[in-house]
C-alpha atoms as a PDB file:
ATOM      1  CA  MET A   1     -78.449 -75.460 -25.395  1.00  0.00           C
ATOM      2  CA  ALA A   2     -76.124 -76.197 -28.295  1.00  0.00           C
ATOM      3  CA  ASP A   3     -76.372 -79.921 -27.624  1.00  0.00           C
ATOM      4  CA  ILE A   4     -80.173 -79.764 -27.593  1.00  0.00           C
ATOM      5  CA  PHE A   5     -80.238 -77.763 -30.845  1.00  0.00           C
ATOM      6  CA  ALA A   6     -77.864 -80.309 -32.402  1.00  0.00           C
ATOM      7  CA  LYS A   7     -80.056 -83.178 -31.217  1.00  0.00           C
ATOM      8  CA  GLY A   8     -83.107 -81.666 -32.923  1.00  0.00           C
ATOM      9  CA  THR A   9     -81.121 -80.953 -36.056  1.00  0.00           C
ATOM     10  CA  SER A  10     -79.647 -84.467 -36.172  1.00  0.00           C
ATOM     11  CA  GLU A  11     -83.066 -86.037 -35.751  1.00  0.00           C
ATOM     12  CA  ASN A  12     -84.043 -84.234 -38.928  1.00  0.00           C
ATOM     13  CA  ASN A  13     -81.232 -86.080 -40.768  1.00  0.00           C
ATOM     14  CA  ASN A  14     -78.812 -83.156 -40.840  1.00  0.00           C
ATOM     15  CA  ILE A  15     -75.084 -83.448 -40.253  1.00  0.00           C
ATOM     16  CA  VAL A  16     -73.883 -81.492 -37.229  1.00  0.00           C
ATOM     17  CA  THR A  17     -70.282 -80.404 -36.727  1.00  0.00           C
ATOM     18  CA  GLU A  18     -69.432 -78.940 -33.335  1.00  0.00           C
ATOM     19  CA  ILE A  19     -66.471 -76.613 -32.969  1.00  0.00           C
ATOM     20  CA  VAL A  20     -65.405 -75.867 -29.409  1.00  0.00           C
ATOM     21  CA  LEU A  21     -63.429 -72.645 -29.511  1.00  0.00           C
ATOM     22  CA  LYS A  22     -61.608 -73.225 -26.226  1.00  0.00           C
ATOM     23  CA  ASP A  23     -59.997 -76.266 -27.853  1.00  0.00           C
ATOM     24  CA  LYS A  24     -58.687 -74.233 -30.796  1.00  0.00           C
ATOM     25  CA  ILE A  25     -55.715 -71.979 -31.331  1.00  0.00           C
ATOM     26  CA  ILE A  26     -57.054 -68.764 -32.833  1.00  0.00           C
ATOM     27  CA  GLY A  27     -54.949 -65.635 -33.026  1.00  0.00           C
ATOM     28  CA  ASP A  28     -56.373 -62.141 -32.951  1.00  0.00           C
ATOM     29  CA  CYS A  29     -57.143 -60.456 -36.241  1.00  0.00           C
ATOM     30  CA  SER A  30     -54.238 -58.125 -37.027  1.00  0.00           C
ATOM     31  CA  GLY A  31     -56.356 -55.893 -39.257  1.00  0.00           C
ATOM     32  CA  CYS A  32     -53.908 -56.209 -42.147  1.00  0.00           C
ATOM     33  CA  ALA A  33     -56.769 -56.905 -44.626  1.00  0.00           C
ATOM     34  CA  ILE A  34     -54.536 -59.061 -46.804  1.00  0.00           C
ATOM     35  CA  CYS A  35     -57.339 -61.645 -46.674  1.00  0.00           C
ATOM     36  CA  GLN A  36     -59.519 -59.226 -48.619  1.00  0.00           C
ATOM     37  CA  GLN A  37     -56.935 -59.139 -51.401  1.00  0.00           C
ATOM     38  CA  ASN A  38     -56.142 -62.846 -51.715  1.00  0.00           C
ATOM     39  CA  GLY A  39     -59.485 -64.624 -51.867  1.00  0.00           C
ATOM     40  CA  GLY A  40     -60.248 -64.886 -48.157  1.00  0.00           C
ATOM     41  CA  LYS A  41     -57.005 -66.524 -47.040  1.00  0.00           C
ATOM     42  CA  CYS A  42     -55.790 -65.178 -43.698  1.00  0.00           C
ATOM     43  CA  VAL A  43     -52.023 -64.810 -43.344  1.00  0.00           C
ATOM     44  CA  GLN A  44     -52.214 -66.545 -39.968  1.00  0.00           C
ATOM     45  CA  ASP A  45     -51.919 -70.323 -40.108  1.00  0.00           C
ATOM     46  CA  ASP A  46     -53.952 -71.490 -37.145  1.00  0.00           C
ATOM     47  CA  ASP A  47     -57.174 -73.369 -36.373  1.00  0.00           C
ATOM     48  CA  MET A  48     -59.297 -70.724 -38.083  1.00  0.00           C
ATOM     49  CA  ASN A  49     -58.504 -72.510 -41.338  1.00  0.00           C
ATOM     50  CA  GLU A  50     -60.544 -75.501 -40.093  1.00  0.00           C
ATOM     51  CA  ILE A  51     -63.330 -73.169 -38.965  1.00  0.00           C
ATOM     52  CA  TYR A  52     -63.381 -71.405 -42.345  1.00  0.00           C
ATOM     53  CA  ASP A  53     -63.762 -74.777 -44.074  1.00  0.00           C
ATOM     54  CA  GLU A  54     -66.639 -75.813 -41.814  1.00  0.00           C
ATOM     55  CA  MET A  55     -68.394 -72.448 -42.203  1.00  0.00           C
ATOM     56  CA  HIS A  56     -68.144 -72.708 -45.993  1.00  0.00           C
ATOM     57  CA  LYS A  57     -69.680 -76.205 -45.958  1.00  0.00           C
ATOM     58  CA  ALA A  58     -72.474 -75.330 -43.527  1.00  0.00           C
ATOM     59  CA  ASP A  59     -75.961 -74.182 -44.439  1.00  0.00           C
ATOM     60  CA  VAL A  60     -76.645 -73.250 -40.816  1.00  0.00           C
ATOM     61  CA  ILE A  61     -74.244 -71.644 -38.350  1.00  0.00           C
ATOM     62  CA  VAL A  62     -75.086 -71.601 -34.650  1.00  0.00           C
ATOM     63  CA  LEU A  63     -73.181 -69.284 -32.358  1.00  0.00           C
ATOM     64  CA  ALA A  64     -73.598 -70.674 -28.862  1.00  0.00           C
ATOM     65  CA  CYS A  65     -71.957 -68.972 -25.908  1.00  0.00           C
ATOM     66  CA  PRO A  66     -72.724 -67.203 -22.650  1.00  0.00           C
ATOM     67  CA  VAL A  67     -73.091 -63.446 -22.285  1.00  0.00           C
ATOM     68  CA  TYR A  68     -70.132 -61.788 -20.563  1.00  0.00           C
ATOM     69  CA  PHE A  69     -70.667 -58.161 -19.605  1.00  0.00           C
ATOM     70  CA  TYR A  70     -73.477 -57.590 -22.110  1.00  0.00           C
ATOM     71  CA  THR A  71     -71.845 -59.194 -25.138  1.00  0.00           C
ATOM     72  CA  TRP A  72     -69.614 -61.935 -26.583  1.00  0.00           C
ATOM     73  CA  PRO A  73     -66.971 -63.722 -24.543  1.00  0.00           C
ATOM     74  CA  SER A  74     -63.483 -63.056 -25.883  1.00  0.00           C
ATOM     75  CA  LEU A  75     -63.062 -66.419 -27.645  1.00  0.00           C
ATOM     76  CA  MET A  76     -66.239 -65.945 -29.670  1.00  0.00           C
ATOM     77  CA  LYS A  77     -65.343 -62.356 -30.473  1.00  0.00           C
ATOM     78  CA  ARG A  78     -61.908 -63.433 -31.685  1.00  0.00           C
ATOM     79  CA  MET A  79     -63.476 -66.015 -34.020  1.00  0.00           C
ATOM     80  CA  ILE A  80     -66.030 -63.480 -35.258  1.00  0.00           C
ATOM     81  CA  ASP A  81     -63.293 -60.923 -35.972  1.00  0.00           C
ATOM     82  CA  ARG A  82     -61.324 -63.476 -37.960  1.00  0.00           C
ATOM     83  CA  THR A  83     -64.295 -64.257 -40.228  1.00  0.00           C
ATOM     84  CA  PHE A  84     -63.567 -60.905 -41.835  1.00  0.00           C
ATOM     85  CA  ALA A  85     -61.353 -63.005 -44.109  1.00  0.00           C
ATOM     86  CA  ILE A  86     -64.315 -64.895 -45.573  1.00  0.00           C
ATOM     87  CA  GLU A  87     -66.907 -62.122 -45.462  1.00  0.00           C
ATOM     88  CA  ASP A  88     -67.280 -62.021 -49.238  1.00  0.00           C
ATOM     89  CA  TYR A  89     -67.407 -65.807 -49.568  1.00  0.00           C
ATOM     90  CA  MET A  90     -70.189 -66.745 -47.148  1.00  0.00           C
ATOM     91  CA  ASP A  91     -73.243 -67.422 -49.285  1.00  0.00           C
ATOM     92  CA  LYS A  92     -76.775 -68.167 -48.090  1.00  0.00           C
ATOM     93  CA  LYS A  93     -76.124 -69.092 -44.458  1.00  0.00           C
ATOM     94  CA  VAL A  94     -78.753 -69.123 -41.732  1.00  0.00           C
ATOM     95  CA  PHE A  95     -77.388 -67.938 -38.386  1.00  0.00           C
ATOM     96  CA  TYR A  96     -78.723 -68.753 -34.923  1.00  0.00           C
ATOM     97  CA  LEU A  97     -77.703 -67.355 -31.547  1.00  0.00           C
ATOM     98  CA  LEU A  98     -78.051 -69.494 -28.424  1.00  0.00           C
ATOM     99  CA  SER A  99     -76.949 -67.905 -25.195  1.00  0.00           C
ATOM    100  CA  ALA A 100     -77.230 -67.995 -21.433  1.00  0.00           C
ATOM    101  CA  ALA A 101     -77.043 -64.995 -19.155  1.00  0.00           C
ATOM    102  CA  ALA A 102     -76.956 -64.406 -15.420  1.00  0.00           C
ATOM    103  CA  THR A 103     -79.281 -61.445 -15.846  1.00  0.00           C
ATOM    104  CA  ARG A 104     -83.025 -61.777 -15.456  1.00  0.00           C
ATOM    105  CA  LYS A 105     -83.745 -58.976 -17.927  1.00  0.00           C
ATOM    106  CA  GLY A 106     -83.786 -59.112 -21.689  1.00  0.00           C
ATOM    107  CA  THR A 107     -82.726 -55.472 -21.781  1.00  0.00           C
ATOM    108  CA  ASN A 108     -79.300 -56.515 -20.505  1.00  0.00           C
ATOM    109  CA  VAL A 109     -78.555 -58.663 -23.549  1.00  0.00           C
ATOM    110  CA  GLN A 110     -79.545 -56.149 -26.217  1.00  0.00           C
ATOM    111  CA  THR A 111     -75.913 -55.293 -26.962  1.00  0.00           C
ATOM    112  CA  MET A 112     -75.233 -58.924 -27.818  1.00  0.00           C
ATOM    113  CA  ILE A 113     -78.349 -59.177 -29.961  1.00  0.00           C
ATOM    114  CA  LYS A 114     -77.392 -56.005 -31.831  1.00  0.00           C
ATOM    115  CA  CYS A 115     -73.846 -57.308 -32.330  1.00  0.00           C
ATOM    116  CA  PHE A 116     -75.190 -60.657 -33.616  1.00  0.00           C
ATOM    117  CA  ARG A 117     -77.515 -58.966 -36.079  1.00  0.00           C
ATOM    118  CA  GLN A 118     -74.817 -56.577 -37.217  1.00  0.00           C
ATOM    119  CA  TYR A 119     -72.438 -59.505 -37.677  1.00  0.00           C
ATOM    120  CA  ILE A 120     -74.789 -61.516 -39.874  1.00  0.00           C
ATOM    121  CA  SER A 121     -75.637 -58.393 -41.856  1.00  0.00           C
ATOM    122  CA  CYS A 122     -72.031 -58.552 -43.109  1.00  0.00           C
ATOM    123  CA  PHE A 123     -73.090 -61.668 -45.003  1.00  0.00           C
ATOM    124  CA  GLY A 124     -76.571 -60.382 -45.939  1.00  0.00           C
ATOM    125  CA  GLU A 125     -75.632 -59.285 -49.436  1.00  0.00           C
ATOM    126  CA  ASN A 126     -74.775 -62.916 -50.114  1.00  0.00           C
ATOM    127  CA  GLY A 127     -78.213 -64.132 -49.005  1.00  0.00           C
ATOM    128  CA  SER A 128     -77.463 -64.956 -45.363  1.00  0.00           C
ATOM    129  CA  GLU A 129     -80.108 -64.370 -42.718  1.00  0.00           C
ATOM    130  CA  GLU A 130     -81.084 -64.721 -39.086  1.00  0.00           C
ATOM    131  CA  GLY A 131     -82.705 -68.015 -38.137  1.00  0.00           C
ATOM    132  CA  GLY A 132     -83.458 -67.311 -34.506  1.00  0.00           C
ATOM    133  CA  ILE A 133     -82.244 -66.136 -31.114  1.00  0.00           C
ATOM    134  CA  VAL A 134     -82.796 -67.863 -27.780  1.00  0.00           C
ATOM    135  CA  PHE A 135     -81.565 -66.764 -24.368  1.00  0.00           C
ATOM    136  CA  ALA A 136     -81.733 -68.640 -21.089  1.00  0.00           C
ATOM    137  CA  TYR A 137     -81.909 -66.020 -18.336  1.00  0.00           C
ATOM    138  CA  ASP A 138     -80.977 -66.255 -14.656  1.00  0.00           C
ATOM    139  CA  THR A 139     -78.287 -68.832 -15.361  1.00  0.00           C
ATOM    140  CA  ARG A 140     -74.969 -68.544 -13.566  1.00  0.00           C
ATOM    141  CA  LYS A 141     -73.905 -72.196 -13.854  1.00  0.00           C
ATOM    142  CA  THR A 142     -74.259 -74.819 -16.582  1.00  0.00           C
ATOM    143  CA  GLU A 143     -76.642 -76.741 -14.342  1.00  0.00           C
ATOM    144  CA  ASP A 144     -79.001 -73.748 -14.278  1.00  0.00           C
ATOM    145  CA  VAL A 145     -79.643 -74.052 -18.014  1.00  0.00           C
ATOM    146  CA  LYS A 146     -80.547 -77.719 -17.642  1.00  0.00           C
ATOM    147  CA  THR A 147     -83.605 -76.741 -15.566  1.00  0.00           C
ATOM    148  CA  LYS A 148     -84.995 -74.315 -18.159  1.00  0.00           C
ATOM    149  CA  TYR A 149     -87.263 -76.885 -19.809  1.00  0.00           C
ATOM    150  CA  ASP A 150     -89.295 -74.341 -21.768  1.00  0.00           C
ATOM    151  CA  ILE A 151     -86.119 -72.852 -23.246  1.00  0.00           C
ATOM    152  CA  LEU A 152     -84.604 -76.255 -23.986  1.00  0.00           C
ATOM    153  CA  ASN A 153     -87.795 -77.366 -25.718  1.00  0.00           C
ATOM    154  CA  LYS A 154     -87.802 -74.176 -27.802  1.00  0.00           C
ATOM    155  CA  VAL A 155     -84.175 -74.779 -28.801  1.00  0.00           C
ATOM    156  CA  TYR A 156     -84.906 -78.422 -29.639  1.00  0.00           C
ATOM    157  CA  GLU A 157     -87.864 -77.476 -31.845  1.00  0.00           C
ATOM    158  CA  MET A 158     -85.768 -74.786 -33.505  1.00  0.00           C
ATOM    159  CA  GLY A 159     -83.129 -77.417 -34.282  1.00  0.00           C
ATOM    160  CA  LYS A 160     -85.763 -79.800 -35.656  1.00  0.00           C
ATOM    161  CA  SER A 161     -87.010 -77.075 -38.001  1.00  0.00           C
ATOM    162  CA  VAL A 162     -83.620 -76.883 -39.726  1.00  0.00           C
END
């Protein structure tokens, strides 16, 4: 889904930067809040520094991940927690959520949707907003998503609209 969104976005002459969290070293937020006192600089020196830079440069931020037990997988949650450092410095971003879930029911992903909306509301005072949410249901394997042509077309068109 992320690749299809990126394809649509690229075809509209936008620059796309993909960050694969499993390839990054990201420590857990320690909750020290020093970042809130020193201009958004986390005391941890890890790959979040690269992610902060990319988030600052971006107009659009797409969170793409599967649903694990009704909400974010741990890698995505860790990254989200660490963006506490730049909460006050994220201006006018448009956020999208692309996700796949084994469930067949939209009611089973409401926790993730609520968490996504609550997360982007942290940046709302700075003009950030929700761009869209797309779920592919009944998907246990990557190959399952590839057969959801209606969903993939929706994601592609969403990317083209950026």
